[in-house]
PDB file of N, CA and C in Angstrom:
ATOM      1  N   MET A   1       1.348  -8.156 178.104  1.00  0.00           N
ATOM      2  CA  MET A   1       2.511  -8.809 178.665  1.00  0.00           C
ATOM      3  C   MET A   1       3.489  -9.109 177.524  1.00  0.00           C
ATOM      4  N   ALA A   2       4.718  -8.768 177.690  1.00  0.00           N
ATOM      5  CA  ALA A   2       5.739  -8.965 176.659  1.00  0.00           C
ATOM      6  C   ALA A   2       6.214 -10.419 176.667  1.00  0.00           C
ATOM      7  N   TYR A   3       6.712 -10.848 175.522  1.00  0.00           N
ATOM      8  CA  TYR A   3       7.304 -12.179 175.428  1.00  0.00           C
ATOM      9  C   TYR A   3       8.668 -12.179 176.105  1.00  0.00           C
ATOM     10  N   SER A   4       9.028 -13.308 176.687  1.00  0.00           N
ATOM     11  CA  SER A   4      10.373 -13.438 177.235  1.00  0.00           C
ATOM     12  C   SER A   4      11.358 -13.557 176.072  1.00  0.00           C
ATOM     13  N   ASP A   5      12.634 -13.378 176.357  1.00  0.00           N
ATOM     14  CA  ASP A   5      13.649 -13.520 175.310  1.00  0.00           C
ATOM     15  C   ASP A   5      13.599 -14.916 174.704  1.00  0.00           C
ATOM     16  N   HIS A   6      13.392 -15.915 175.542  1.00  0.00           N
ATOM     17  CA  HIS A   6      13.307 -17.300 175.063  1.00  0.00           C
ATOM     18  C   HIS A   6      12.101 -17.481 174.134  1.00  0.00           C
ATOM     19  N   ASP A   7      10.945 -16.946 174.544  1.00  0.00           N
ATOM     20  CA  ASP A   7       9.745 -17.041 173.711  1.00  0.00           C
ATOM     21  C   ASP A   7       9.944 -16.321 172.377  1.00  0.00           C
ATOM     22  N   SER A   8      10.535 -15.140 172.430  1.00  0.00           N
ATOM     23  CA  SER A   8      10.780 -14.374 171.204  1.00  0.00           C
ATOM     24  C   SER A   8      11.707 -15.137 170.270  1.00  0.00           C
ATOM     25  N   GLN A   9      12.737 -15.768 170.825  1.00  0.00           N
ATOM     26  CA  GLN A   9      13.669 -16.552 170.014  1.00  0.00           C
ATOM     27  C   GLN A   9      12.955 -17.736 169.359  1.00  0.00           C
ATOM     28  N   GLN A  10      12.085 -18.403 170.082  1.00  0.00           N
ATOM     29  CA  GLN A  10      11.336 -19.530 169.518  1.00  0.00           C
ATOM     30  C   GLN A  10      10.414 -19.062 168.386  1.00  0.00           C
ATOM     31  N   ILE A  11       9.758 -17.947 168.580  1.00  0.00           N
ATOM     32  CA  ILE A  11       8.874 -17.398 167.556  1.00  0.00           C
ATOM     33  C   ILE A  11       9.671 -17.054 166.305  1.00  0.00           C
ATOM     34  N   MET A  12      10.791 -16.365 166.470  1.00  0.00           N
ATOM     35  CA  MET A  12      11.613 -15.965 165.315  1.00  0.00           C
ATOM     36  C   MET A  12      12.198 -17.177 164.595  1.00  0.00           C
ATOM     37  N   THR A  13      12.537 -18.220 165.335  1.00  0.00           N
ATOM     38  CA  THR A  13      13.036 -19.448 164.707  1.00  0.00           C
ATOM     39  C   THR A  13      11.947 -20.064 163.838  1.00  0.00           C
ATOM     40  N   ALA A  14      10.728 -20.123 164.353  1.00  0.00           N
ATOM     41  CA  ALA A  14       9.613 -20.670 163.578  1.00  0.00           C
ATOM     42  C   ALA A  14       9.299 -19.803 162.366  1.00  0.00           C
ATOM     43  N   VAL A  15       9.344 -18.490 162.534  1.00  0.00           N
ATOM     44  CA  VAL A  15       9.063 -17.563 161.439  1.00  0.00           C
ATOM     45  C   VAL A  15      10.102 -17.708 160.332  1.00  0.00           C
ATOM     46  N   ARG A  16      11.382 -17.756 160.712  1.00  0.00           N
ATOM     47  CA  ARG A  16      12.443 -17.911 159.703  1.00  0.00           C
ATOM     48  C   ARG A  16      12.301 -19.233 158.953  1.00  0.00           C
ATOM     49  N   ARG A  17      11.907 -20.279 159.662  1.00  0.00           N
ATOM     50  CA  ARG A  17      11.680 -21.575 159.008  1.00  0.00           C
ATOM     51  C   ARG A  17      10.557 -21.455 157.982  1.00  0.00           C
ATOM     52  N   ASP A  18       9.453 -20.838 158.354  1.00  0.00           N
ATOM     53  CA  ASP A  18       8.323 -20.658 157.428  1.00  0.00           C
ATOM     54  C   ASP A  18       8.738 -19.848 156.201  1.00  0.00           C
ATOM     55  N   VAL A  19       9.541 -18.815 156.418  1.00  0.00           N
ATOM     56  CA  VAL A  19       9.993 -17.969 155.321  1.00  0.00           C
ATOM     57  C   VAL A  19      10.884 -18.768 154.365  1.00  0.00           C
ATOM     58  N   ARG A  20      11.789 -19.566 154.919  1.00  0.00           N
ATOM     59  CA  ARG A  20      12.673 -20.385 154.067  1.00  0.00           C
ATOM     60  C   ARG A  20      11.879 -21.402 153.255  1.00  0.00           C
ATOM     61  N   ILE A  21      10.914 -22.041 153.883  1.00  0.00           N
ATOM     62  CA  ILE A  21      10.097 -23.045 153.176  1.00  0.00           C
ATOM     63  C   ILE A  21       9.332 -22.389 152.031  1.00  0.00           C
ATOM     64  N   SER A  22       8.721 -21.250 152.281  1.00  0.00           N
ATOM     65  CA  SER A  22       7.968 -20.579 151.216  1.00  0.00           C
ATOM     66  C   SER A  22       8.904 -20.091 150.116  1.00  0.00           C
ATOM     67  N   ARG A  23      10.075 -19.570 150.494  1.00  0.00           N
ATOM     68  CA  ARG A  23      11.061 -19.133 149.495  1.00  0.00           C
ATOM     69  C   ARG A  23      11.438 -20.289 148.570  1.00  0.00           C
ATOM     70  N   ASP A  24      11.727 -21.444 149.141  1.00  0.00           N
ATOM     71  CA  ASP A  24      12.141 -22.595 148.335  1.00  0.00           C
ATOM     72  C   ASP A  24      11.013 -23.074 147.424  1.00  0.00           C
ATOM     73  N   ARG A  25       9.795 -23.100 147.938  1.00  0.00           N
ATOM     74  CA  ARG A  25       8.648 -23.542 147.142  1.00  0.00           C
ATOM     75  C   ARG A  25       8.395 -22.583 145.979  1.00  0.00           C
ATOM     76  N   ILE A  26       8.446 -21.294 146.241  1.00  0.00           N
ATOM     77  CA  ILE A  26       8.188 -20.305 145.199  1.00  0.00           C
ATOM     78  C   ILE A  26       9.316 -20.305 144.173  1.00  0.00           C
ATOM     79  N   ARG A  27      10.550 -20.457 144.615  1.00  0.00           N
ATOM     80  CA  ARG A  27      11.662 -20.562 143.658  1.00  0.00           C
ATOM     81  C   ARG A  27      11.483 -21.753 142.733  1.00  0.00           C
ATOM     82  N   ALA A  28      11.056 -22.881 143.282  1.00  0.00           N
ATOM     83  CA  ALA A  28      10.820 -24.062 142.450  1.00  0.00           C
ATOM     84  C   ALA A  28       9.701 -23.789 141.446  1.00  0.00           C
ATOM     85  N   GLY A  29       8.642 -23.097 141.868  1.00  0.00           N
ATOM     86  CA  GLY A  29       7.561 -22.750 140.957  1.00  0.00           C
ATOM     87  C   GLY A  29       8.018 -21.812 139.855  1.00  0.00           C
ATOM     88  N   VAL A  30       8.842 -20.849 140.205  1.00  0.00           N
ATOM     89  CA  VAL A  30       9.370 -19.902 139.217  1.00  0.00           C
ATOM     90  C   VAL A  30      10.264 -20.636 138.216  1.00  0.00           C
ATOM     91  N   ARG A  31      11.071 -21.577 138.711  1.00  0.00           N
ATOM     92  CA  ARG A  31      11.925 -22.363 137.801  1.00  0.00           C
ATOM     93  C   ARG A  31      11.080 -23.202 136.838  1.00  0.00           C
ATOM     94  N   LEU A  32      10.019 -23.824 137.353  1.00  0.00           N
ATOM     95  CA  LEU A  32       9.141 -24.610 136.482  1.00  0.00           C
ATOM     96  C   LEU A  32       8.485 -23.713 135.441  1.00  0.00           C
ATOM     97  N   LEU A  33       8.031 -22.556 135.843  1.00  0.00           N
ATOM     98  CA  LEU A  33       7.422 -21.611 134.915  1.00  0.00           C
ATOM     99  C   LEU A  33       8.428 -21.200 133.835  1.00  0.00           C
ATOM    100  N   ALA A  34       9.650 -20.920 134.230  1.00  0.00           N
ATOM    101  CA  ALA A  34      10.680 -20.528 133.259  1.00  0.00           C
ATOM    102  C   ALA A  34      10.973 -21.663 132.288  1.00  0.00           C
ATOM    103  N   ARG A  35      11.039 -22.882 132.784  1.00  0.00           N
ATOM    104  CA  ARG A  35      11.276 -24.036 131.901  1.00  0.00           C
ATOM    105  C   ARG A  35      10.128 -24.190 130.907  1.00  0.00           C
ATOM    106  N   PHE A  36       8.898 -23.956 131.361  1.00  0.00           N
ATOM    107  CA  PHE A  36       7.749 -24.020 130.462  1.00  0.00           C
ATOM    108  C   PHE A  36       7.865 -22.942 129.387  1.00  0.00           C
ATOM    109  N   GLN A  37       8.164 -21.732 129.805  1.00  0.00           N
ATOM    110  CA  GLN A  37       8.235 -20.613 128.871  1.00  0.00           C
ATOM    111  C   GLN A  37       9.366 -20.782 127.855  1.00  0.00           C
ATOM    112  N   GLN A  38      10.400 -21.508 128.236  1.00  0.00           N
ATOM    113  CA  GLN A  38      11.518 -21.746 127.328  1.00  0.00           C
ATOM    114  C   GLN A  38      11.322 -23.000 126.482  1.00  0.00           C
ATOM    115  N   GLY A  39      10.186 -23.675 126.662  1.00  0.00           N
ATOM    116  CA  GLY A  39       9.879 -24.864 125.868  1.00  0.00           C
ATOM    117  C   GLY A  39      10.680 -26.089 126.252  1.00  0.00           C
ATOM    118  N   GLU A  40      11.146 -26.148 127.477  1.00  0.00           N
ATOM    119  CA  GLU A  40      11.980 -27.259 127.936  1.00  0.00           C
ATOM    120  C   GLU A  40      11.190 -28.459 128.454  1.00  0.00           C
ATOM    121  N   LEU A  41       9.892 -28.323 128.621  1.00  0.00           N
ATOM    122  CA  LEU A  41       9.091 -29.404 129.189  1.00  0.00           C
ATOM    123  C   LEU A  41       8.492 -30.259 128.079  1.00  0.00           C
ATOM    124  N   ILE A  42       8.345 -31.532 128.364  1.00  0.00           N
ATOM    125  CA  ILE A  42       7.801 -32.474 127.382  1.00  0.00           C
ATOM    126  C   ILE A  42       6.327 -32.168 127.146  1.00  0.00           C
ATOM    127  N   PRO A  43       5.952 -31.901 125.880  1.00  0.00           N
ATOM    128  CA  PRO A  43       4.543 -31.625 125.568  1.00  0.00           C
ATOM    129  C   PRO A  43       3.639 -32.777 126.022  1.00  0.00           C
ATOM    130  N   GLY A  44       2.547 -32.415 126.664  1.00  0.00           N
ATOM    131  CA  GLY A  44       1.594 -33.410 127.140  1.00  0.00           C
ATOM    132  C   GLY A  44       1.920 -33.977 128.509  1.00  0.00           C
ATOM    133  N   SER A  45       3.073 -33.618 129.065  1.00  0.00           N
ATOM    134  CA  SER A  45       3.449 -34.129 130.385  1.00  0.00           C
ATOM    135  C   SER A  45       2.724 -33.355 131.485  1.00  0.00           C
ATOM    136  N   ARG A  46       2.715 -33.932 132.662  1.00  0.00           N
ATOM    137  CA  ARG A  46       2.105 -33.258 133.814  1.00  0.00           C
ATOM    138  C   ARG A  46       2.835 -31.943 134.097  1.00  0.00           C
ATOM    139  N   GLU A  47       4.166 -31.970 134.015  1.00  0.00           N
ATOM    140  CA  GLU A  47       4.945 -30.749 134.244  1.00  0.00           C
ATOM    141  C   GLU A  47       4.582 -29.649 133.251  1.00  0.00           C
ATOM    142  N   GLU A  48       4.387 -30.032 131.996  1.00  0.00           N
ATOM    143  CA  GLU A  48       4.038 -29.048 130.968  1.00  0.00           C
ATOM    144  C   GLU A  48       2.664 -28.447 131.250  1.00  0.00           C
ATOM    145  N   ALA A  49       1.714 -29.291 131.659  1.00  0.00           N
ATOM    146  CA  ALA A  49       0.373 -28.804 132.002  1.00  0.00           C
ATOM    147  C   ALA A  49       0.437 -27.868 133.207  1.00  0.00           C
ATOM    148  N   LEU A  50       1.259 -28.227 134.175  1.00  0.00           N
ATOM    149  CA  LEU A  50       1.418 -27.386 135.354  1.00  0.00           C
ATOM    150  C   LEU A  50       2.107 -26.067 134.982  1.00  0.00           C
ATOM    151  N   GLY A  51       3.096 -26.123 134.096  1.00  0.00           N
ATOM    152  CA  GLY A  51       3.750 -24.910 133.623  1.00  0.00           C
ATOM    153  C   GLY A  51       2.773 -23.982 132.925  1.00  0.00           C
ATOM    154  N   ARG A  52       1.883 -24.553 132.125  1.00  0.00           N
ATOM    155  CA  ARG A  52       0.859 -23.759 131.430  1.00  0.00           C
ATOM    156  C   ARG A  52      -0.070 -23.098 132.446  1.00  0.00           C
ATOM    157  N   MET A  53      -0.416 -23.857 133.477  1.00  0.00           N
ATOM    158  CA  MET A  53      -1.291 -23.345 134.535  1.00  0.00           C
ATOM    159  C   MET A  53      -0.601 -22.193 135.281  1.00  0.00           C
ATOM    160  N   LEU A  54       0.694 -22.370 135.577  1.00  0.00           N
ATOM    161  CA  LEU A  54       1.447 -21.329 136.272  1.00  0.00           C
ATOM    162  C   LEU A  54       1.583 -20.076 135.414  1.00  0.00           C
ATOM    163  N   GLU A  55       1.746 -20.255 134.119  1.00  0.00           N
ATOM    164  CA  GLU A  55       1.848 -19.097 133.233  1.00  0.00           C
ATOM    165  C   GLU A  55       0.552 -18.288 133.245  1.00  0.00           C
ATOM    166  N   GLU A  56      -0.570 -18.981 133.200  1.00  0.00           N
ATOM    167  CA  GLU A  56      -1.847 -18.260 133.252  1.00  0.00           C
ATOM    168  C   GLU A  56      -2.014 -17.545 134.587  1.00  0.00           C
ATOM    169  N   PHE A  57      -1.649 -18.234 135.664  1.00  0.00           N
ATOM    170  CA  PHE A  57      -1.771 -17.616 136.987  1.00  0.00           C
ATOM    171  C   PHE A  57      -0.850 -16.401 137.106  1.00  0.00           C
ATOM    172  N   ALA A  58       0.374 -16.524 136.599  1.00  0.00           N
ATOM    173  CA  ALA A  58       1.336 -15.413 136.686  1.00  0.00           C
ATOM    174  C   ALA A  58       0.898 -14.219 135.851  1.00  0.00           C
ATOM    175  N   SER A  59       0.270 -14.480 134.719  1.00  0.00           N
ATOM    176  CA  SER A  59      -0.097 -13.366 133.836  1.00  0.00           C
ATOM    177  C   SER A  59      -1.465 -12.765 134.148  1.00  0.00           C
ATOM    178  N   THR A  60      -2.372 -13.551 134.728  1.00  0.00           N
ATOM    179  CA  THR A  60      -3.725 -13.043 134.971  1.00  0.00           C
ATOM    180  C   THR A  60      -4.096 -12.963 136.449  1.00  0.00           C
ATOM    181  N   GLY A  61      -3.356 -13.692 137.287  1.00  0.00           N
ATOM    182  CA  GLY A  61      -3.720 -13.758 138.701  1.00  0.00           C
ATOM    183  C   GLY A  61      -4.859 -14.716 138.969  1.00  0.00           C
ATOM    184  N   ASP A  62      -5.201 -15.506 137.963  1.00  0.00           N
ATOM    185  CA  ASP A  62      -6.318 -16.441 138.088  1.00  0.00           C
ATOM    186  C   ASP A  62      -5.955 -17.751 137.426  1.00  0.00           C
ATOM    187  N   LEU A  63      -6.701 -18.787 137.745  1.00  0.00           N
ATOM    188  CA  LEU A  63      -6.527 -20.096 137.123  1.00  0.00           C
ATOM    189  C   LEU A  63      -7.629 -20.300 136.085  1.00  0.00           C
ATOM    190  N   PRO A  64      -7.419 -21.220 135.136  1.00  0.00           N
ATOM    191  CA  PRO A  64      -8.410 -21.416 134.066  1.00  0.00           C
ATOM    192  C   PRO A  64      -9.798 -21.783 134.600  1.00  0.00           C
ATOM    193  N   GLN A  65     -10.796 -21.127 134.028  1.00  0.00           N
ATOM    194  CA  GLN A  65     -12.188 -21.350 134.426  1.00  0.00           C
ATOM    195  C   GLN A  65     -13.033 -21.607 133.178  1.00  0.00           C
ATOM    196  N   ASP A  66     -14.162 -22.270 133.408  1.00  0.00           N
ATOM    197  CA  ASP A  66     -15.095 -22.433 132.289  1.00  0.00           C
ATOM    198  C   ASP A  66     -15.953 -21.169 132.163  1.00  0.00           C
ATOM    199  N   GLU A  67     -16.912 -21.179 131.260  1.00  0.00           N
ATOM    200  CA  GLU A  67     -17.732 -19.994 130.987  1.00  0.00           C
ATOM    201  C   GLU A  67     -18.502 -19.498 132.206  1.00  0.00           C
ATOM    202  N   SER A  68     -18.835 -20.412 133.111  1.00  0.00           N
ATOM    203  CA  SER A  68     -19.615 -20.024 134.292  1.00  0.00           C
ATOM    204  C   SER A  68     -18.726 -19.587 135.463  1.00  0.00           C
ATOM    205  N   GLY A  69     -17.410 -19.589 135.271  1.00  0.00           N
ATOM    206  CA  GLY A  69     -16.509 -19.147 136.319  1.00  0.00           C
ATOM    207  C   GLY A  69     -16.012 -20.238 137.244  1.00  0.00           C
ATOM    208  N   VAL A  70     -16.372 -21.489 136.947  1.00  0.00           N
ATOM    209  CA  VAL A  70     -15.917 -22.618 137.763  1.00  0.00           C
ATOM    210  C   VAL A  70     -14.542 -23.054 137.264  1.00  0.00           C
ATOM    211  N   LEU A  71     -13.647 -23.339 138.195  1.00  0.00           N
ATOM    212  CA  LEU A  71     -12.316 -23.797 137.801  1.00  0.00           C
ATOM    213  C   LEU A  71     -12.414 -25.069 136.968  1.00  0.00           C
ATOM    214  N   ARG A  72     -11.595 -25.142 135.949  1.00  0.00           N
ATOM    215  CA  ARG A  72     -11.584 -26.325 135.089  1.00  0.00           C
ATOM    216  C   ARG A  72     -11.110 -27.550 135.862  1.00  0.00           C
ATOM    217  N   ASP A  73     -11.545 -28.730 135.391  1.00  0.00           N
ATOM    218  CA  ASP A  73     -11.163 -29.989 136.033  1.00  0.00           C
ATOM    219  C   ASP A  73      -9.653 -30.163 136.083  1.00  0.00           C
ATOM    220  N   GLU A  74      -8.956 -29.627 135.115  1.00  0.00           N
ATOM    221  CA  GLU A  74      -7.509 -29.757 135.052  1.00  0.00           C
ATOM    222  C   GLU A  74      -6.852 -29.162 136.299  1.00  0.00           C
ATOM    223  N   VAL A  75      -7.441 -28.131 136.858  1.00  0.00           N
ATOM    224  CA  VAL A  75      -6.898 -27.515 138.071  1.00  0.00           C
ATOM    225  C   VAL A  75      -6.865 -28.550 139.191  1.00  0.00           C
ATOM    226  N   SER A  76      -7.943 -29.285 139.371  1.00  0.00           N
ATOM    227  CA  SER A  76      -7.996 -30.328 140.404  1.00  0.00           C
ATOM    228  C   SER A  76      -7.008 -31.444 140.113  1.00  0.00           C
ATOM    229  N   ARG A  77      -6.927 -31.852 138.869  1.00  0.00           N
ATOM    230  CA  ARG A  77      -6.005 -32.936 138.501  1.00  0.00           C
ATOM    231  C   ARG A  77      -4.547 -32.572 138.778  1.00  0.00           C
ATOM    232  N   LEU A  78      -4.232 -31.293 138.730  1.00  0.00           N
ATOM    233  CA  LEU A  78      -2.855 -30.849 138.942  1.00  0.00           C
ATOM    234  C   LEU A  78      -2.565 -30.443 140.385  1.00  0.00           C
ATOM    235  N   GLY A  79      -3.494 -30.722 141.285  1.00  0.00           N
ATOM    236  CA  GLY A  79      -3.249 -30.482 142.705  1.00  0.00           C
ATOM    237  C   GLY A  79      -4.179 -29.504 143.378  1.00  0.00           C
ATOM    238  N   GLY A  80      -5.004 -28.812 142.601  1.00  0.00           N
ATOM    239  CA  GLY A  80      -5.956 -27.876 143.190  1.00  0.00           C
ATOM    240  C   GLY A  80      -5.454 -26.440 143.176  1.00  0.00           C
ATOM    241  N   ALA A  81      -6.382 -25.537 143.352  1.00  0.00           N
ATOM    242  CA  ALA A  81      -6.088 -24.105 143.259  1.00  0.00           C
ATOM    243  C   ALA A  81      -5.076 -23.651 144.307  1.00  0.00           C
ATOM    244  N   MET A  82      -5.203 -24.114 145.537  1.00  0.00           N
ATOM    245  CA  MET A  82      -4.285 -23.686 146.596  1.00  0.00           C
ATOM    246  C   MET A  82      -2.860 -24.148 146.305  1.00  0.00           C
ATOM    247  N   ALA A  83      -2.707 -25.389 145.866  1.00  0.00           N
ATOM    248  CA  ALA A  83      -1.367 -25.911 145.586  1.00  0.00           C
ATOM    249  C   ALA A  83      -0.735 -25.199 144.399  1.00  0.00           C
ATOM    250  N   ILE A  84      -1.509 -24.975 143.357  1.00  0.00           N
ATOM    251  CA  ILE A  84      -0.964 -24.334 142.153  1.00  0.00           C
ATOM    252  C   ILE A  84      -0.621 -22.871 142.432  1.00  0.00           C
ATOM    253  N   SER A  85      -1.541 -22.140 143.011  1.00  0.00           N
ATOM    254  CA  SER A  85      -1.262 -20.724 143.291  1.00  0.00           C
ATOM    255  C   SER A  85      -0.144 -20.587 144.309  1.00  0.00           C
ATOM    256  N   GLY A  86      -0.033 -21.549 145.212  1.00  0.00           N
ATOM    257  CA  GLY A  86       1.030 -21.528 146.209  1.00  0.00           C
ATOM    258  C   GLY A  86       2.418 -21.742 145.638  1.00  0.00           C
ATOM    259  N   MET A  87       2.489 -22.183 144.390  1.00  0.00           N
ATOM    260  CA  MET A  87       3.794 -22.351 143.762  1.00  0.00           C
ATOM    261  C   MET A  87       4.413 -21.010 143.381  1.00  0.00           C
ATOM    262  N   LEU A  88       3.582 -19.964 143.313  1.00  0.00           N
ATOM    263  CA  LEU A  88       4.087 -18.645 142.932  1.00  0.00           C
ATOM    264  C   LEU A  88       3.760 -17.552 143.937  1.00  0.00           C
ATOM    265  N   SER A  89       3.025 -17.879 144.994  1.00  0.00           N
ATOM    266  CA  SER A  89       2.636 -16.836 145.942  1.00  0.00           C
ATOM    267  C   SER A  89       2.606 -17.383 147.363  1.00  0.00           C
ATOM    268  N   LEU A  90       2.547 -16.467 148.309  1.00  0.00           N
ATOM    269  CA  LEU A  90       2.513 -16.822 149.720  1.00  0.00           C
ATOM    270  C   LEU A  90       1.113 -17.227 150.160  1.00  0.00           C
ATOM    271  N   THR A  91       1.058 -18.121 151.129  1.00  0.00           N
ATOM    272  CA  THR A  91      -0.212 -18.413 151.787  1.00  0.00           C
ATOM    273  C   THR A  91      -0.479 -17.309 152.809  1.00  0.00           C
ATOM    274  N   ARG A  92      -1.650 -17.301 153.368  1.00  0.00           N
ATOM    275  CA  ARG A  92      -1.988 -16.307 154.393  1.00  0.00           C
ATOM    276  C   ARG A  92      -1.060 -16.443 155.603  1.00  0.00           C
ATOM    277  N   ASP A  93      -0.815 -17.666 156.049  1.00  0.00           N
ATOM    278  CA  ASP A  93       0.073 -17.867 157.198  1.00  0.00           C
ATOM    279  C   ASP A  93       1.494 -17.417 156.888  1.00  0.00           C
ATOM    280  N   GLU A  94       1.953 -17.670 155.670  1.00  0.00           N
ATOM    281  CA  GLU A  94       3.296 -17.237 155.289  1.00  0.00           C
ATOM    282  C   GLU A  94       3.386 -15.714 155.214  1.00  0.00           C
ATOM    283  N   SER A  95       2.326 -15.076 154.765  1.00  0.00           N
ATOM    284  CA  SER A  95       2.308 -13.606 154.747  1.00  0.00           C
ATOM    285  C   SER A  95       2.442 -13.057 156.160  1.00  0.00           C
ATOM    286  N   THR A  96       1.789 -13.702 157.094  1.00  0.00           N
ATOM    287  CA  THR A  96       1.903 -13.294 158.494  1.00  0.00           C
ATOM    288  C   THR A  96       3.324 -13.496 159.002  1.00  0.00           C
ATOM    289  N   ALA A  97       3.929 -14.625 158.642  1.00  0.00           N
ATOM    290  CA  ALA A  97       5.312 -14.890 159.056  1.00  0.00           C
ATOM    291  C   ALA A  97       6.248 -13.815 158.502  1.00  0.00           C
ATOM    292  N   PHE A  98       6.075 -13.458 157.226  1.00  0.00           N
ATOM    293  CA  PHE A  98       6.901 -12.406 156.632  1.00  0.00           C
ATOM    294  C   PHE A  98       6.696 -11.078 157.367  1.00  0.00           C
ATOM    295  N   ALA A  99       5.462 -10.752 157.675  1.00  0.00           N
ATOM    296  CA  ALA A  99       5.187  -9.496 158.366  1.00  0.00           C
ATOM    297  C   ALA A  99       5.822  -9.486 159.761  1.00  0.00           C
ATOM    298  N   LEU A 100       5.749 -10.616 160.463  1.00  0.00           N
ATOM    299  CA  LEU A 100       6.380 -10.705 161.785  1.00  0.00           C
ATOM    300  C   LEU A 100       7.893 -10.547 161.680  1.00  0.00           C
ATOM    301  N   LEU A 101       8.483 -11.196 160.684  1.00  0.00           N
ATOM    302  CA  LEU A 101       9.927 -11.084 160.500  1.00  0.00           C
ATOM    303  C   LEU A 101      10.330  -9.649 160.157  1.00  0.00           C
ATOM    304  N   LEU A 102       9.584  -9.025 159.263  1.00  0.00           N
ATOM    305  CA  LEU A 102       9.878  -7.636 158.914  1.00  0.00           C
ATOM    306  C   LEU A 102       9.698  -6.706 160.112  1.00  0.00           C
ATOM    307  N   SER A 103       8.687  -6.971 160.919  1.00  0.00           N
ATOM    308  CA  SER A 103       8.480  -6.162 162.125  1.00  0.00           C
ATOM    309  C   SER A 103       9.670  -6.292 163.067  1.00  0.00           C
ATOM    310  N   ALA A 104      10.149  -7.505 163.235  1.00  0.00           N
ATOM    311  CA  ALA A 104      11.287  -7.735 164.129  1.00  0.00           C
ATOM    312  C   ALA A 104      12.560  -7.101 163.579  1.00  0.00           C
ATOM    313  N   LEU A 105      12.766  -7.200 162.271  1.00  0.00           N
ATOM    314  CA  LEU A 105      13.989  -6.677 161.663  1.00  0.00           C
ATOM    315  C   LEU A 105      14.018  -5.155 161.602  1.00  0.00           C
ATOM    316  N   THR A 106      12.846  -4.548 161.449  1.00  0.00           N
ATOM    317  CA  THR A 106      12.793  -3.081 161.284  1.00  0.00           C
ATOM    318  C   THR A 106      12.394  -2.355 162.554  1.00  0.00           C
ATOM    319  N   ALA A 107      11.958  -3.080 163.563  1.00  0.00           N
ATOM    320  CA  ALA A 107      11.460  -2.497 164.805  1.00  0.00           C
ATOM    321  C   ALA A 107      10.249  -1.601 164.565  1.00  0.00           C
ATOM    322  N   GLU A 108       9.529  -1.879 163.493  1.00  0.00           N
ATOM    323  CA  GLU A 108       8.281  -1.166 163.174  1.00  0.00           C
ATOM    324  C   GLU A 108       7.105  -2.013 163.643  1.00  0.00           C
ATOM    325  N   SER A 109       5.968  -1.381 163.838  1.00  0.00           N
ATOM    326  CA  SER A 109       4.789  -2.123 164.248  1.00  0.00           C
ATOM    327  C   SER A 109       4.254  -2.953 163.082  1.00  0.00           C
ATOM    328  N   PHE A 110       3.473  -3.946 163.406  1.00  0.00           N
ATOM    329  CA  PHE A 110       2.880  -4.817 162.388  1.00  0.00           C
ATOM    330  C   PHE A 110       2.034  -4.000 161.415  1.00  0.00           C
ATOM    331  N   GLY A 111       1.311  -3.031 161.922  1.00  0.00           N
ATOM    332  CA  GLY A 111       0.475  -2.171 161.062  1.00  0.00           C
ATOM    333  C   GLY A 111       1.292  -1.375 160.073  1.00  0.00           C
ATOM    334  N   THR A 112       2.457  -0.914 160.486  1.00  0.00           N
ATOM    335  CA  THR A 112       3.330  -0.160 159.594  1.00  0.00           C
ATOM    336  C   THR A 112       3.876  -1.043 158.495  1.00  0.00           C
ATOM    337  N   VAL A 113       4.267  -2.247 158.870  1.00  0.00           N
ATOM    338  CA  VAL A 113       4.811  -3.201 157.905  1.00  0.00           C
ATOM    339  C   VAL A 113       3.720  -3.575 156.932  1.00  0.00           C
TER     340      VAL A 113
END
């Protein structure tokens, strides 16, 4: 059964909202990372520690771990793995929102997108 025009409009409104929120969050994370890389953050500050964490995530795709592969305590102190990685990448739900938006904009199936 197809969605009504009203239902489709509501879905697209929600999807666009999710996309804007993720765009703004990721832009803020990228700005913080750039400030860290340019040495603009106060050494020893929470922002500087978070910038260091973002740099490692951006360059390796992973967060700092100890020898046994467990995330370091600093990751938790700075908000946890999901919050930190989410500053530079999409969540699963946001990826779905992007795929739905691209499907609607291109008239391609979800599988193609």
